[in-house]
C-alpha atoms as a PDB file:
ATOM      1  CA  MET A   1     -15.009  23.662 -23.049  1.00  0.00           C
ATOM      2  CA  ARG A   2     -16.771  20.616 -21.662  1.00  0.00           C
ATOM      3  CA  GLY A   3     -15.253  18.015 -23.931  1.00  0.00           C
ATOM      4  CA  HIS A   4     -11.676  18.822 -22.939  1.00  0.00           C
ATOM      5  CA  ILE A   5     -11.970  17.873 -19.238  1.00  0.00           C
ATOM      6  CA  SER A   6     -10.710  14.326 -18.700  1.00  0.00           C
ATOM      7  CA  ALA A   7     -12.630  11.521 -17.030  1.00  0.00           C
ATOM      8  CA  HIS A   8      -9.708  11.224 -14.583  1.00  0.00           C
ATOM      9  CA  ALA A   9     -10.161  14.854 -13.471  1.00  0.00           C
ATOM     10  CA  VAL A  10     -13.924  14.382 -13.105  1.00  0.00           C
ATOM     11  CA  CYS A  11     -13.335  11.156 -11.174  1.00  0.00           C
ATOM     12  CA  THR A  12     -11.012  13.007  -8.787  1.00  0.00           C
ATOM     13  CA  ALA A  13     -13.563  15.794  -8.261  1.00  0.00           C
ATOM     14  CA  ILE A  14     -16.450  13.383  -7.569  1.00  0.00           C
ATOM     15  CA  ARG A  15     -14.288  11.258  -5.264  1.00  0.00           C
ATOM     16  CA  ASP A  16     -13.202  14.365  -3.341  1.00  0.00           C
ATOM     17  CA  ASP A  17     -16.846  15.384  -2.886  1.00  0.00           C
ATOM     18  CA  ILE A  18     -17.730  11.884  -1.654  1.00  0.00           C
ATOM     19  CA  VAL A  19     -14.820  11.831   0.810  1.00  0.00           C
ATOM     20  CA  SER A  20     -15.628  15.337   2.101  1.00  0.00           C
ATOM     21  CA  GLY A  21     -19.316  14.483   2.544  1.00  0.00           C
ATOM     22  CA  ALA A  22     -20.561  16.963  -0.049  1.00  0.00           C
ATOM     23  CA  LEU A  23     -22.096  13.909  -1.734  1.00  0.00           C
ATOM     24  CA  ALA A  24     -23.506  11.899   1.157  1.00  0.00           C
ATOM     25  CA  PRO A  25     -23.644   8.093   1.464  1.00  0.00           C
ATOM     26  CA  GLY A  26     -26.722   6.749  -0.301  1.00  0.00           C
ATOM     27  CA  SER A  27     -27.319   9.851  -2.434  1.00  0.00           C
ATOM     28  CA  ARG A  28     -28.113   9.308  -6.108  1.00  0.00           C
ATOM     29  CA  LEU A  29     -25.509  10.232  -8.706  1.00  0.00           C
ATOM     30  CA  ILE A  30     -27.423  11.417 -11.763  1.00  0.00           C
ATOM     31  CA  GLU A  31     -25.218  11.885 -14.815  1.00  0.00           C
ATOM     32  CA  ASP A  32     -26.946  15.046 -16.106  1.00  0.00           C
ATOM     33  CA  ILE A  33     -26.757  16.760 -12.710  1.00  0.00           C
ATOM     34  CA  LEU A  34     -23.121  15.776 -12.200  1.00  0.00           C
ATOM     35  CA  ALA A  35     -22.235  16.955 -15.712  1.00  0.00           C
ATOM     36  CA  ALA A  36     -23.739  20.368 -14.920  1.00  0.00           C
ATOM     37  CA  ARG A  37     -22.076  20.431 -11.506  1.00  0.00           C
ATOM     38  CA  TYR A  38     -18.574  19.923 -12.871  1.00  0.00           C
ATOM     39  CA  GLY A  39     -19.049  21.677 -16.204  1.00  0.00           C
ATOM     40  CA  VAL A  40     -18.477  18.592 -18.359  1.00  0.00           C
ATOM     41  CA  SER A  41     -20.379  16.341 -20.753  1.00  0.00           C
ATOM     42  CA  ARG A  42     -21.994  13.089 -19.629  1.00  0.00           C
ATOM     43  CA  VAL A  43     -19.258  10.939 -21.214  1.00  0.00           C
ATOM     44  CA  PRO A  44     -16.462  11.635 -18.674  1.00  0.00           C
ATOM     45  CA  VAL A  45     -19.033  11.485 -15.858  1.00  0.00           C
ATOM     46  CA  ARG A  46     -20.103   8.005 -16.974  1.00  0.00           C
ATOM     47  CA  GLU A  47     -16.462   6.854 -17.157  1.00  0.00           C
ATOM     48  CA  ALA A  48     -15.720   8.394 -13.750  1.00  0.00           C
ATOM     49  CA  LEU A  49     -18.666   6.601 -12.134  1.00  0.00           C
ATOM     50  CA  ARG A  50     -17.457   3.271 -13.519  1.00  0.00           C
ATOM     51  CA  THR A  51     -14.021   3.880 -12.009  1.00  0.00           C
ATOM     52  CA  LEU A  52     -15.484   4.926  -8.660  1.00  0.00           C
ATOM     53  CA  GLN A  53     -17.683   1.834  -8.630  1.00  0.00           C
ATOM     54  CA  SER A  54     -14.608  -0.366  -9.130  1.00  0.00           C
ATOM     55  CA  GLU A  55     -12.949   1.471  -6.205  1.00  0.00           C
ATOM     56  CA  GLY A  56     -15.960   0.940  -3.916  1.00  0.00           C
ATOM     57  CA  PHE A  57     -17.049   4.588  -3.590  1.00  0.00           C
ATOM     58  CA  VAL A  58     -20.103   4.135  -5.839  1.00  0.00           C
ATOM     59  CA  THR A  59     -22.677   1.358  -6.076  1.00  0.00           C
ATOM     60  CA  THR A  60     -25.525   0.667  -8.500  1.00  0.00           C
ATOM     61  CA  ARG A  61     -29.038   0.067  -7.190  1.00  0.00           C
ATOM     62  CA  HIS A  62     -31.976  -1.458  -9.009  1.00  0.00           C
ATOM     63  CA  HIS A  63     -34.306   1.315 -10.245  1.00  0.00           C
ATOM     64  CA  ALA A  64     -32.060   4.002  -8.686  1.00  0.00           C
ATOM     65  CA  GLY A  65     -28.888   3.786 -10.766  1.00  0.00           C
ATOM     66  CA  ALA A  66     -25.553   4.965  -9.419  1.00  0.00           C
ATOM     67  CA  CYS A  67     -25.446   6.018  -5.747  1.00  0.00           C
ATOM     68  CA  VAL A  68     -22.744   6.899  -3.245  1.00  0.00           C
ATOM     69  CA  ALA A  69     -21.841   3.669  -1.439  1.00  0.00           C
ATOM     70  CA  GLU A  70     -22.826   3.134   2.196  1.00  0.00           C
ATOM     71  CA  LEU A  71     -20.251   1.144   4.127  1.00  0.00           C
ATOM     72  CA  THR A  72     -21.200  -0.694   7.301  1.00  0.00           C
ATOM     73  CA  GLU A  73     -19.245  -0.258  10.540  1.00  0.00           C
ATOM     74  CA  GLN A  74     -17.728  -3.692   9.946  1.00  0.00           C
ATOM     75  CA  GLU A  75     -16.568  -2.693   6.467  1.00  0.00           C
ATOM     76  CA  ALA A  76     -15.126   0.523   7.908  1.00  0.00           C
ATOM     77  CA  ALA A  77     -13.221  -1.479  10.537  1.00  0.00           C
ATOM     78  CA  ASP A  78     -11.921  -3.747   7.773  1.00  0.00           C
ATOM     79  CA  LEU A  79     -10.333  -0.706   6.116  1.00  0.00           C
ATOM     80  CA  LEU A  80      -8.105  -0.131   9.147  1.00  0.00           C
ATOM     81  CA  ASP A  81      -7.228  -3.834   9.285  1.00  0.00           C
ATOM     82  CA  LEU A  82      -6.327  -3.808   5.595  1.00  0.00           C
ATOM     83  CA  ARG A  83      -4.126  -0.777   6.069  1.00  0.00           C
ATOM     84  CA  ALA A  84      -2.336  -2.531   8.940  1.00  0.00           C
ATOM     85  CA  LEU A  85      -1.597  -5.448   6.590  1.00  0.00           C
ATOM     86  CA  VAL A  86      -0.739  -3.609   3.383  1.00  0.00           C
ATOM     87  CA  GLU A  87       1.112  -0.454   4.431  1.00  0.00           C
ATOM     88  CA  PRO A  88       3.937  -2.328   6.227  1.00  0.00           C
ATOM     89  CA  LEU A  89       4.387  -4.295   2.989  1.00  0.00           C
ATOM     90  CA  GLY A  90       4.594  -0.988   1.114  1.00  0.00           C
ATOM     91  CA  ALA A  91       7.302   0.233   3.497  1.00  0.00           C
ATOM     92  CA  ALA A  92       9.282  -2.979   2.984  1.00  0.00           C
ATOM     93  CA  ARG A  93       9.017  -2.654  -0.786  1.00  0.00           C
ATOM     94  CA  ALA A  94      10.078   0.995  -0.549  1.00  0.00           C
ATOM     95  CA  ALA A  95      13.232  -0.057   1.302  1.00  0.00           C
ATOM     96  CA  ALA A  96      14.154  -2.246  -1.655  1.00  0.00           C
ATOM     97  CA  ARG A  97      13.028  -0.005  -4.512  1.00  0.00           C
ATOM     98  CA  ARG A  98      13.141   3.659  -3.441  1.00  0.00           C
ATOM     99  CA  THR A  99      15.051   6.146  -5.537  1.00  0.00           C
ATOM    100  CA  SER A 100      17.219   9.036  -4.408  1.00  0.00           C
ATOM    101  CA  ALA A 101      14.383  11.368  -5.439  1.00  0.00           C
ATOM    102  CA  HIS A 102      11.967   9.562  -3.110  1.00  0.00           C
ATOM    103  CA  LEU A 103      14.446   9.810  -0.236  1.00  0.00           C
ATOM    104  CA  LYS A 104      14.941  13.518  -0.845  1.00  0.00           C
ATOM    105  CA  VAL A 105      11.210  14.204  -0.678  1.00  0.00           C
ATOM    106  CA  LEU A 106      10.703  11.976   2.366  1.00  0.00           C
ATOM    107  CA  ARG A 107      13.562  13.643   4.255  1.00  0.00           C
ATOM    108  CA  GLY A 108      12.126  17.054   3.483  1.00  0.00           C
ATOM    109  CA  LEU A 109       8.693  15.992   4.735  1.00  0.00           C
ATOM    110  CA  VAL A 110      10.085  14.534   7.965  1.00  0.00           C
ATOM    111  CA  ARG A 111      12.113  17.673   8.567  1.00  0.00           C
ATOM    112  CA  LEU A 112       9.058  19.886   8.022  1.00  0.00           C
ATOM    113  CA  GLY A 113       6.850  17.583  10.095  1.00  0.00           C
ATOM    114  CA  ARG A 114       9.181  17.693  13.079  1.00  0.00           C
ATOM    115  CA  GLU A 115       9.451  21.472  12.782  1.00  0.00           C
ATOM    116  CA  ARG A 116       5.653  21.953  12.603  1.00  0.00           C
ATOM    117  CA  ALA A 117       5.152  19.507  15.491  1.00  0.00           C
ATOM    118  CA  ARG A 118       7.438  21.586  17.700  1.00  0.00           C
ATOM    119  CA  HIS A 119       5.568  24.794  16.866  1.00  0.00           C
ATOM    120  CA  GLY A 120       2.041  23.351  16.873  1.00  0.00           C
ATOM    121  CA  HIS A 121       0.546  23.593  13.370  1.00  0.00           C
ATOM    122  CA  PRO A 122      -2.097  20.806  13.273  1.00  0.00           C
ATOM    123  CA  ALA A 123      -3.511  21.687   9.835  1.00  0.00           C
ATOM    124  CA  ASP A 124      -0.041  21.595   8.268  1.00  0.00           C
ATOM    125  CA  LEU A 125       0.753  18.322  10.045  1.00  0.00           C
ATOM    126  CA  ARG A 126      -2.305  16.542   8.654  1.00  0.00           C
ATOM    127  CA  GLN A 127      -1.290  17.463   5.111  1.00  0.00           C
ATOM    128  CA  LEU A 128       2.366  16.608   5.655  1.00  0.00           C
ATOM    129  CA  ASP A 129       1.423  13.230   7.128  1.00  0.00           C
ATOM    130  CA  GLY A 130      -0.643  12.461   4.030  1.00  0.00           C
ATOM    131  CA  TRP A 131       2.215  13.453   1.734  1.00  0.00           C
ATOM    132  CA  PHE A 132       4.671  11.300   3.696  1.00  0.00           C
ATOM    133  CA  HIS A 133       2.544   8.169   3.414  1.00  0.00           C
ATOM    134  CA  GLU A 134       1.689   8.838  -0.237  1.00  0.00           C
ATOM    135  CA  THR A 135       5.357   9.339  -1.168  1.00  0.00           C
ATOM    136  CA  LEU A 136       6.315   6.174   0.700  1.00  0.00           C
ATOM    137  CA  ALA A 137       3.622   4.296  -1.231  1.00  0.00           C
ATOM    138  CA  GLN A 138       5.021   5.634  -4.516  1.00  0.00           C
ATOM    139  CA  ALA A 139       8.516   4.575  -3.445  1.00  0.00           C
ATOM    140  CA  ALA A 140       7.277   0.961  -3.269  1.00  0.00           C
ATOM    141  CA  GLY A 141       7.765   0.853  -7.039  1.00  0.00           C
ATOM    142  CA  SER A 142       4.502  -0.998  -7.711  1.00  0.00           C
ATOM    143  CA  PRO A 143       1.631   0.880  -9.387  1.00  0.00           C
ATOM    144  CA  SER A 144      -0.864  -1.721  -8.119  1.00  0.00           C
ATOM    145  CA  LEU A 145       0.344  -1.496  -4.526  1.00  0.00           C
ATOM    146  CA  THR A 146       0.511   2.305  -4.683  1.00  0.00           C
ATOM    147  CA  ALA A 147      -3.057   2.467  -6.037  1.00  0.00           C
ATOM    148  CA  LEU A 148      -4.322   0.128  -3.310  1.00  0.00           C
ATOM    149  CA  LEU A 149      -2.641   2.139  -0.536  1.00  0.00           C
ATOM    150  CA  THR A 150      -3.989   5.403  -1.959  1.00  0.00           C
ATOM    151  CA  GLN A 151      -7.510   3.942  -2.158  1.00  0.00           C
ATOM    152  CA  LEU A 152      -7.322   2.725   1.427  1.00  0.00           C
ATOM    153  CA  ARG A 153      -6.207   6.127   2.706  1.00  0.00           C
ATOM    154  CA  ARG A 154      -9.047   7.876   0.842  1.00  0.00           C
ATOM    155  CA  LYS A 155     -11.643   5.449   2.139  1.00  0.00           C
ATOM    156  CA  ILE A 156     -10.352   5.769   5.696  1.00  0.00           C
ATOM    157  CA  GLU A 157     -10.554   9.558   5.374  1.00  0.00           C
ATOM    158  CA  TRP A 158     -14.119   9.115   4.092  1.00  0.00           C
ATOM    159  CA  MET A 159     -15.237   6.854   6.943  1.00  0.00           C
ATOM    160  CA  TYR A 160     -13.298   8.286   9.877  1.00  0.00           C
ATOM    161  CA  VAL A 161     -12.663  11.576  11.621  1.00  0.00           C
ATOM    162  CA  MET A 162      -9.116  11.918  12.911  1.00  0.00           C
ATOM    163  CA  GLU A 163      -9.021  13.317  16.444  1.00  0.00           C
ATOM    164  CA  PRO A 164      -6.185  15.740  17.223  1.00  0.00           C
ATOM    165  CA  PRO A 165      -3.283  13.430  18.131  1.00  0.00           C
ATOM    166  CA  SER A 166      -1.753  13.711  21.588  1.00  0.00           C
ATOM    167  CA  ARG A 167       1.610  12.340  20.480  1.00  0.00           C
ATOM    168  CA  VAL A 168       2.472  14.483  17.463  1.00  0.00           C
ATOM    169  CA  THR A 169       6.216  14.677  18.082  1.00  0.00           C
ATOM    170  CA  ALA A 170       6.463  10.939  18.717  1.00  0.00           C
ATOM    171  CA  SER A 171       4.519  10.237  15.512  1.00  0.00           C
ATOM    172  CA  TRP A 172       7.017  12.217  13.439  1.00  0.00           C
ATOM    173  CA  ASP A 173       9.897  10.496  15.192  1.00  0.00           C
ATOM    174  CA  GLU A 174       8.306   7.222  14.043  1.00  0.00           C
ATOM    175  CA  HIS A 175       8.129   8.582  10.488  1.00  0.00           C
ATOM    176  CA  GLY A 176      11.818   9.410  10.773  1.00  0.00           C
ATOM    177  CA  ALA A 177      12.666   5.892  11.988  1.00  0.00           C
ATOM    178  CA  VAL A 178      10.765   4.336   9.053  1.00  0.00           C
ATOM    179  CA  LEU A 179      12.612   6.647   6.679  1.00  0.00           C
ATOM    180  CA  ASP A 180      15.991   5.666   8.170  1.00  0.00           C
ATOM    181  CA  ALA A 181      15.184   1.974   7.609  1.00  0.00           C
ATOM    182  CA  VAL A 182      14.029   2.669   4.052  1.00  0.00           C
ATOM    183  CA  ALA A 183      17.181   4.686   3.326  1.00  0.00           C
ATOM    184  CA  ARG A 184      19.372   1.808   4.610  1.00  0.00           C
ATOM    185  CA  GLY A 185      17.451  -0.714   2.522  1.00  0.00           C
ATOM    186  CA  ASP A 186      16.380  -2.632   5.651  1.00  0.00           C
ATOM    187  CA  ALA A 187      13.041  -4.000   4.450  1.00  0.00           C
ATOM    188  CA  GLU A 188      12.157  -6.038   7.541  1.00  0.00           C
ATOM    189  CA  ARG A 189      12.854  -3.159   9.924  1.00  0.00           C
ATOM    190  CA  ALA A 190      10.859  -0.780   7.732  1.00  0.00           C
ATOM    191  CA  ARG A 191       7.965  -3.271   7.769  1.00  0.00           C
ATOM    192  CA  ALA A 192       8.070  -3.687  11.563  1.00  0.00           C
ATOM    193  CA  LEU A 193       8.364   0.033  12.274  1.00  0.00           C
ATOM    194  CA  MET A 194       5.445   0.869   9.984  1.00  0.00           C
ATOM    195  CA  ALA A 195       3.294  -1.834  11.595  1.00  0.00           C
ATOM    196  CA  ALA A 196       4.032  -0.392  15.040  1.00  0.00           C
ATOM    197  CA  HIS A 197       3.353   3.159  13.816  1.00  0.00           C
ATOM    198  CA  ILE A 198      -0.066   2.159  12.441  1.00  0.00           C
ATOM    199  CA  GLU A 199      -0.961   0.308  15.655  1.00  0.00           C
ATOM    200  CA  ARG A 200      -0.124   3.381  17.762  1.00  0.00           C
ATOM    201  CA  SER A 201      -2.151   5.669  15.494  1.00  0.00           C
ATOM    202  CA  LEU A 202      -5.434   3.729  15.833  1.00  0.00           C
ATOM    203  CA  PRO A 203      -6.806   5.706  18.833  1.00  0.00           C
ATOM    204  CA  VAL A 204      -7.032   8.919  16.736  1.00  0.00           C
ATOM    205  CA  TYR A 205      -9.613   7.402  14.336  1.00  0.00           C
ATOM    206  CA  ARG A 206     -13.286   7.971  15.213  1.00  0.00           C
ATOM    207  CA  LEU A 207     -15.989   6.534  12.967  1.00  0.00           C
ATOM    208  CA  ARG A 208     -18.287   9.057  11.307  1.00  0.00           C
ATOM    209  CA  ARG A 209     -21.624   7.829  12.664  1.00  0.00           C
ATOM    210  CA  ALA A 210     -23.837  10.643  11.420  1.00  0.00           C
ATOM    211  CA  ALA A 211     -24.252  11.165   7.694  1.00  0.00           C
ATOM    212  CA  PRO A 212     -22.704  14.492   6.609  1.00  0.00           C
ATOM    213  CA  ALA A 213     -24.904  17.271   5.327  1.00  0.00           C
ATOM    214  CA  VAL A 214     -25.619  17.061   1.610  1.00  0.00           C
ATOM    215  CA  ARG A 215     -24.896  20.017  -0.600  1.00  0.00           C
ATOM    216  CA  ASP A 216     -27.472  20.642  -3.297  1.00  0.00           C
ATOM    217  CA  PRO A 217     -26.105  18.811  -6.383  1.00  0.00           C
ATOM    218  CA  LYS A 218     -27.616  21.502  -8.617  1.00  0.00           C
ATOM    219  CA  ARG A 219     -25.808  24.289  -6.815  1.00  0.00           C
ATOM    220  CA  PRO A 220     -22.885  25.719  -8.830  1.00  0.00           C
ATOM    221  CA  VAL A 221     -19.495  24.828  -7.380  1.00  0.00           C
ATOM    222  CA  ASN A 222     -15.929  25.790  -8.031  1.00  0.00           C
ATOM    223  CA  THR A 223     -14.844  23.474 -10.831  1.00  0.00           C
ATOM    224  CA  ALA A 224     -11.211  24.555 -10.889  1.00  0.00           C
ATOM    225  CA  ARG A 225     -10.027  21.230  -9.486  1.00  0.00           C
ATOM    226  CA  ALA A 226     -12.072  19.335 -12.068  1.00  0.00           C
ATOM    227  CA  ARG A 227     -10.177  21.201 -14.749  1.00  0.00           C
ATOM    228  CA  ALA A 228      -6.758  20.639 -13.196  1.00  0.00           C
END
């Protein structure tokens, strides 16, 4: 039933396809084709495109309509600089505002991350790292700050390939140190540790220089996530 799929779910599906490269930078986003692609009406597609434009994933061109945005190398570099400024603030806020539920989740993630690091499970580690940073952002207790941090992480994932890290165990030890500071309510230490962690992680980011292959927008896709 097309009308029952929310604009938020459609927005998530389109954003995921932009980040993965299924919808390449510069490609046109035609409402009718997107509606068929995700099995929805044009109304939630139109709302989703407005949201994605406000987030910077979509732009509007004269005579072309909505298109996937094309960020310059300078804009891509700015994303990493913004993260280095904002995420330490998020860690400091988390130290002051986290709940016991946040701490429980974060401790579980650090425990799993250290375990996977010892046994070498890179795919699991990438996902666990994302969950750790997302949970820490939620623990900041500010919807605006959480949304900004989430947007930055998605855009960085869109613009950069992460090379396999050479210091996996050390990275999870750094996560653990940030968590300890957050648990003690030490905002300044949490801020400093997160800033150092981000600085050490920079060498794993490699800019995507070649545009990803474009999947045919008319080709049927699995719309399960759009219906979630």
